[in-house]
Amino acid sequence: MCGITGLILGNKDRTKKDLENLKNNFNNLTVECNVRGRHATGIMVVNPDGITYTKMPLPAELSVDTESWKEVMSTITNDTVAIIGHVRFATNGDPIHNENNHPLKSENIVGVHNGMIFNHLEMKSWYSENDIEVDSQAIFDAINTKIKTGISPIDSIGETLE
């Protein structure tokens, strides 16, 4: 199945060396998570001013050396809230089509998921207007649709997972 790596960072003054160590440790963590999936790898960095992410149809040990990965990692600062990584073992949706890889986006929602959604075609018919093949996209589209109807983000997540 897939693997998710993550760090939730508190507001702390880190030296340049501390930040470099944090980035290296996160890269190592994601590479070690490769046992959970080698079809694709992605990362997102959550900062107060937004989310930066990249994804690619490569195993983690190759992904961490790409310019795209390094560019996202360069956005990590003392203000960073979280770093989330994803390694994918594809079950639905060909990983060569990068839109099927994680992190997935549905307007203002960016997320990762580990598992299979068995009713994703039904959910997609209710909530999704895109043609993304991966079953996980149905979760984020459903949450996004519920938020647009005025349901709070937290309640939207709860209702979707129900």
C-alpha atoms as a PDB file:
ATOM      1  CA  MET A   1       0.000   0.000   0.000  1.00  0.00           C
ATOM      2  CA  CYS A   2       1.348   3.561   0.434  1.00  0.00           C
ATOM      3  CA  GLY A   3       3.403   5.226   3.138  1.00  0.00           C
ATOM      4  CA  ILE A   4       3.115   8.636   4.728  1.00  0.00           C
ATOM      5  CA  THR A   5       5.928  10.480   6.454  1.00  0.00           C
ATOM      6  CA  GLY A   6       5.513  13.684   8.374  1.00  0.00           C
ATOM      7  CA  LEU A   7       6.893  16.190  10.802  1.00  0.00           C
ATOM      8  CA  ILE A   8       4.784  18.659  12.727  1.00  0.00           C
ATOM      9  CA  LEU A   9       7.062  21.540  13.653  1.00  0.00           C
ATOM     10  CA  GLY A  10       6.618  23.852  16.589  1.00  0.00           C
ATOM     11  CA  ASN A  11       7.519  27.505  16.424  1.00  0.00           C
ATOM     12  CA  LYS A  12      11.203  27.365  17.303  1.00  0.00           C
ATOM     13  CA  ASP A  13      14.322  29.281  16.401  1.00  0.00           C
ATOM     14  CA  ARG A  14      16.457  26.833  14.452  1.00  0.00           C
ATOM     15  CA  THR A  15      19.919  27.575  13.155  1.00  0.00           C
ATOM     16  CA  LYS A  16      20.749  27.108   9.496  1.00  0.00           C
ATOM     17  CA  LYS A  17      22.487  23.846  10.471  1.00  0.00           C
ATOM     18  CA  ASP A  18      19.390  22.722  12.413  1.00  0.00           C
ATOM     19  CA  LEU A  19      17.215  23.349   9.345  1.00  0.00           C
ATOM     20  CA  GLU A  20      19.633  21.441   7.102  1.00  0.00           C
ATOM     21  CA  ASN A  21      19.645  18.507   9.546  1.00  0.00           C
ATOM     22  CA  LEU A  22      15.846  18.565   9.649  1.00  0.00           C
ATOM     23  CA  LYS A  23      15.680  18.451   5.831  1.00  0.00           C
ATOM     24  CA  ASN A  24      18.237  15.634   5.620  1.00  0.00           C
ATOM     25  CA  ASN A  25      16.428  13.634   8.312  1.00  0.00           C
ATOM     26  CA  PHE A  26      13.116  14.072   6.509  1.00  0.00           C
ATOM     27  CA  ASN A  27      14.661  12.940   3.220  1.00  0.00           C
ATOM     28  CA  ASN A  28      16.110   9.872   4.941  1.00  0.00           C
ATOM     29  CA  LEU A  29      12.758   9.111   6.582  1.00  0.00           C
ATOM     30  CA  THR A  30      10.985   9.279   3.215  1.00  0.00           C
ATOM     31  CA  VAL A  31      13.588   7.081   1.524  1.00  0.00           C
ATOM     32  CA  GLU A  32      13.260   4.497   4.324  1.00  0.00           C
ATOM     33  CA  CYS A  33       9.498   4.546   3.815  1.00  0.00           C
ATOM     34  CA  ASN A  34      10.069   3.244   0.266  1.00  0.00           C
ATOM     35  CA  VAL A  35       9.214  -0.256   1.487  1.00  0.00           C
ATOM     36  CA  ARG A  36       5.564   0.950   1.434  1.00  0.00           C
ATOM     37  CA  GLY A  37       5.618   2.014  -2.218  1.00  0.00           C
ATOM     38  CA  ARG A  38       8.103   2.732  -4.993  1.00  0.00           C
ATOM     39  CA  HIS A  39       5.803   3.849  -7.827  1.00  0.00           C
ATOM     40  CA  ALA A  40       5.751   7.559  -6.938  1.00  0.00           C
ATOM     41  CA  THR A  41       6.880  10.032  -4.289  1.00  0.00           C
ATOM     42  CA  GLY A  42       5.579  13.421  -3.201  1.00  0.00           C
ATOM     43  CA  ILE A  43       6.114  16.070  -0.563  1.00  0.00           C
ATOM     44  CA  MET A  44       4.306  19.123   0.744  1.00  0.00           C
ATOM     45  CA  VAL A  45       5.564  21.857   3.016  1.00  0.00           C
ATOM     46  CA  VAL A  46       2.936  23.741   4.987  1.00  0.00           C
ATOM     47  CA  ASN A  47       3.857  27.335   5.795  1.00  0.00           C
ATOM     48  CA  PRO A  48       1.634  30.100   7.217  1.00  0.00           C
ATOM     49  CA  ASP A  49       1.467  31.703   3.763  1.00  0.00           C
ATOM     50  CA  GLY A  50       0.546  28.517   1.871  1.00  0.00           C
ATOM     51  CA  ILE A  51       1.435  25.004   0.809  1.00  0.00           C
ATOM     52  CA  THR A  52       4.233  24.142  -1.596  1.00  0.00           C
ATOM     53  CA  TYR A  53       4.337  20.657  -3.055  1.00  0.00           C
ATOM     54  CA  THR A  54       5.758  18.414  -5.726  1.00  0.00           C
ATOM     55  CA  LYS A  55       5.222  14.838  -6.802  1.00  0.00           C
ATOM     56  CA  MET A  56       6.783  12.530  -9.355  1.00  0.00           C
ATOM     57  CA  PRO A  57       6.550   8.952 -10.643  1.00  0.00           C
ATOM     58  CA  LEU A  58       9.874   7.973  -9.082  1.00  0.00           C
ATOM     59  CA  PRO A  59      10.933   6.066  -5.961  1.00  0.00           C
ATOM     60  CA  ALA A  60      11.975   8.231  -3.033  1.00  0.00           C
ATOM     61  CA  GLU A  61      15.733   7.655  -3.359  1.00  0.00           C
ATOM     62  CA  LEU A  62      15.572   9.281  -6.811  1.00  0.00           C
ATOM     63  CA  SER A  63      12.961  11.908  -5.933  1.00  0.00           C
ATOM     64  CA  VAL A  64      14.961  13.507  -3.122  1.00  0.00           C
ATOM     65  CA  ASP A  65      17.717  14.401  -5.598  1.00  0.00           C
ATOM     66  CA  THR A  66      15.464  16.181  -8.118  1.00  0.00           C
ATOM     67  CA  GLU A  67      15.423  19.955  -8.505  1.00  0.00           C
ATOM     68  CA  SER A  68      11.680  19.982  -7.883  1.00  0.00           C
ATOM     69  CA  TRP A  69      12.100  18.244  -4.508  1.00  0.00           C
ATOM     70  CA  LYS A  70      14.985  20.501  -3.506  1.00  0.00           C
ATOM     71  CA  GLU A  71      12.928  23.575  -4.439  1.00  0.00           C
ATOM     72  CA  VAL A  72      10.086  22.502  -2.140  1.00  0.00           C
ATOM     73  CA  MET A  73      12.538  21.660   0.649  1.00  0.00           C
ATOM     74  CA  SER A  74      14.059  25.157   0.291  1.00  0.00           C
ATOM     75  CA  THR A  75      10.756  26.622   1.531  1.00  0.00           C
ATOM     76  CA  ILE A  76      11.310  25.120   4.998  1.00  0.00           C
ATOM     77  CA  THR A  77      11.955  27.861   7.550  1.00  0.00           C
ATOM     78  CA  ASN A  78      11.460  28.454  11.258  1.00  0.00           C
ATOM     79  CA  ASP A  79       7.835  29.326  10.415  1.00  0.00           C
ATOM     80  CA  THR A  80       7.102  25.976   8.730  1.00  0.00           C
ATOM     81  CA  VAL A  81       4.132  24.214  10.301  1.00  0.00           C
ATOM     82  CA  ALA A  82       4.529  20.723   8.802  1.00  0.00           C
ATOM     83  CA  ILE A  83       6.341  18.626   6.230  1.00  0.00           C
ATOM     84  CA  ILE A  84       4.387  15.698   4.774  1.00  0.00           C
ATOM     85  CA  GLY A  85       5.750  13.067   2.423  1.00  0.00           C
ATOM     86  CA  HIS A  86       4.089  10.249   0.521  1.00  0.00           C
ATOM     87  CA  VAL A  87       5.421   7.149  -1.177  1.00  0.00           C
ATOM     88  CA  ARG A  88       2.959   5.398  -3.422  1.00  0.00           C
ATOM     89  CA  PHE A  89       2.210   1.805  -4.224  1.00  0.00           C
ATOM     90  CA  ALA A  90      -0.315   2.277  -7.022  1.00  0.00           C
ATOM     91  CA  THR A  91      -3.620   0.455  -6.681  1.00  0.00           C
ATOM     92  CA  ASN A  92      -5.814   2.682  -8.892  1.00  0.00           C
ATOM     93  CA  GLY A  93      -4.577   5.198 -11.421  1.00  0.00           C
ATOM     94  CA  ASP A  94      -1.342   4.766 -13.328  1.00  0.00           C
ATOM     95  CA  PRO A  95       1.522   6.557 -11.497  1.00  0.00           C
ATOM     96  CA  ILE A  96       3.126   7.528 -14.811  1.00  0.00           C
ATOM     97  CA  HIS A  97       0.279  10.086 -15.009  1.00  0.00           C
ATOM     98  CA  ASN A  98       1.551  12.427 -12.302  1.00  0.00           C
ATOM     99  CA  GLU A  99      -1.930  13.779 -11.508  1.00  0.00           C
ATOM    100  CA  ASN A 100      -2.634  10.357  -9.918  1.00  0.00           C
ATOM    101  CA  ASN A 101       0.254  10.750  -7.455  1.00  0.00           C
ATOM    102  CA  HIS A 102       0.156  12.337  -4.019  1.00  0.00           C
ATOM    103  CA  PRO A 103      -0.165  14.997  -2.694  1.00  0.00           C
ATOM    104  CA  LEU A 104      -3.576  15.383  -4.302  1.00  0.00           C
ATOM    105  CA  LYS A 105      -5.299  18.738  -4.706  1.00  0.00           C
ATOM    106  CA  SER A 106      -8.939  19.709  -4.816  1.00  0.00           C
ATOM    107  CA  GLU A 107      -9.060  23.506  -5.082  1.00  0.00           C
ATOM    108  CA  ASN A 108      -7.861  24.727  -1.647  1.00  0.00           C
ATOM    109  CA  ILE A 109      -7.358  21.249  -0.198  1.00  0.00           C
ATOM    110  CA  VAL A 110      -4.047  19.422  -0.499  1.00  0.00           C
ATOM    111  CA  GLY A 111      -3.633  16.011   1.077  1.00  0.00           C
ATOM    112  CA  VAL A 112      -2.215  12.517   1.085  1.00  0.00           C
ATOM    113  CA  HIS A 113      -3.941   9.224   1.776  1.00  0.00           C
ATOM    114  CA  ASN A 114      -2.917   5.658   2.524  1.00  0.00           C
ATOM    115  CA  GLY A 115      -5.390   2.925   1.696  1.00  0.00           C
ATOM    116  CA  MET A 116      -8.062   2.009  -0.788  1.00  0.00           C
ATOM    117  CA  ILE A 117     -11.451   3.652  -1.225  1.00  0.00           C
ATOM    118  CA  PHE A 118     -13.804   0.916  -2.357  1.00  0.00           C
ATOM    119  CA  ASN A 119     -16.728   3.243  -3.126  1.00  0.00           C
ATOM    120  CA  HIS A 120     -14.617   5.851  -4.925  1.00  0.00           C
ATOM    121  CA  LEU A 121     -16.571   5.573  -8.185  1.00  0.00           C
ATOM    122  CA  GLU A 122     -19.806   6.267  -6.333  1.00  0.00           C
ATOM    123  CA  MET A 123     -18.179   9.171  -4.450  1.00  0.00           C
ATOM    124  CA  LYS A 124     -16.727  10.501  -7.684  1.00  0.00           C
ATOM    125  CA  SER A 125     -20.188  10.542  -9.289  1.00  0.00           C
ATOM    126  CA  TRP A 126     -21.468  12.641  -6.370  1.00  0.00           C
ATOM    127  CA  TYR A 127     -18.588  15.024  -5.790  1.00  0.00           C
ATOM    128  CA  SER A 128     -16.003  15.081  -8.546  1.00  0.00           C
ATOM    129  CA  GLU A 129     -15.833  16.896 -11.841  1.00  0.00           C
ATOM    130  CA  ASN A 130     -12.281  15.869 -12.707  1.00  0.00           C
ATOM    131  CA  ASP A 131     -11.039  12.782 -14.510  1.00  0.00           C
ATOM    132  CA  ILE A 132      -8.327  11.759 -12.090  1.00  0.00           C
ATOM    133  CA  GLU A 133      -8.179   7.970 -11.874  1.00  0.00           C
ATOM    134  CA  VAL A 134      -6.785   7.520  -8.372  1.00  0.00           C
ATOM    135  CA  ASP A 135      -9.357   6.505  -5.762  1.00  0.00           C
ATOM    136  CA  SER A 136      -7.958   8.815  -3.046  1.00  0.00           C
ATOM    137  CA  GLN A 137      -8.985  11.898  -5.030  1.00  0.00           C
ATOM    138  CA  ALA A 138     -12.624  11.130  -4.171  1.00  0.00           C
ATOM    139  CA  ILE A 139     -11.945  11.969  -0.503  1.00  0.00           C
ATOM    140  CA  PHE A 140     -10.526  15.409  -1.195  1.00  0.00           C
ATOM    141  CA  ASP A 141     -13.189  16.241  -3.794  1.00  0.00           C
ATOM    142  CA  ALA A 142     -15.941  15.250  -1.349  1.00  0.00           C
ATOM    143  CA  ILE A 143     -14.472  17.394   1.442  1.00  0.00           C
ATOM    144  CA  ASN A 144     -14.074  20.326  -0.938  1.00  0.00           C
ATOM    145  CA  THR A 145     -17.672  20.008  -2.190  1.00  0.00           C
ATOM    146  CA  LYS A 146     -19.047  19.932   1.356  1.00  0.00           C
ATOM    147  CA  ILE A 147     -17.031  23.010   2.352  1.00  0.00           C
ATOM    148  CA  LYS A 148     -18.453  24.878  -0.650  1.00  0.00           C
ATOM    149  CA  THR A 149     -21.961  24.191   0.646  1.00  0.00           C
ATOM    150  CA  GLY A 150     -21.127  25.902   3.920  1.00  0.00           C
ATOM    151  CA  ILE A 151     -20.181  22.917   6.062  1.00  0.00           C
ATOM    152  CA  SER A 152     -17.112  23.616   8.226  1.00  0.00           C
ATOM    153  CA  PRO A 153     -13.842  21.970   7.193  1.00  0.00           C
ATOM    154  CA  ILE A 154     -13.785  19.767  10.305  1.00  0.00           C
ATOM    155  CA  ASP A 155     -17.413  18.654   9.829  1.00  0.00           C
ATOM    156  CA  SER A 156     -16.741  18.098   6.112  1.00  0.00           C
ATOM    157  CA  ILE A 157     -13.904  15.720   6.936  1.00  0.00           C
ATOM    158  CA  GLY A 158     -16.058  13.870   9.488  1.00  0.00           C
ATOM    159  CA  GLU A 159     -19.002  13.533   7.111  1.00  0.00           C
ATOM    160  CA  THR A 160     -16.782  12.352   4.253  1.00  0.00           C
ATOM    161  CA  LEU A 161     -15.055   9.715   6.336  1.00  0.00           C
ATOM    162  CA  GLU A 162     -18.389   8.480   7.653  1.00  0.00           C
END
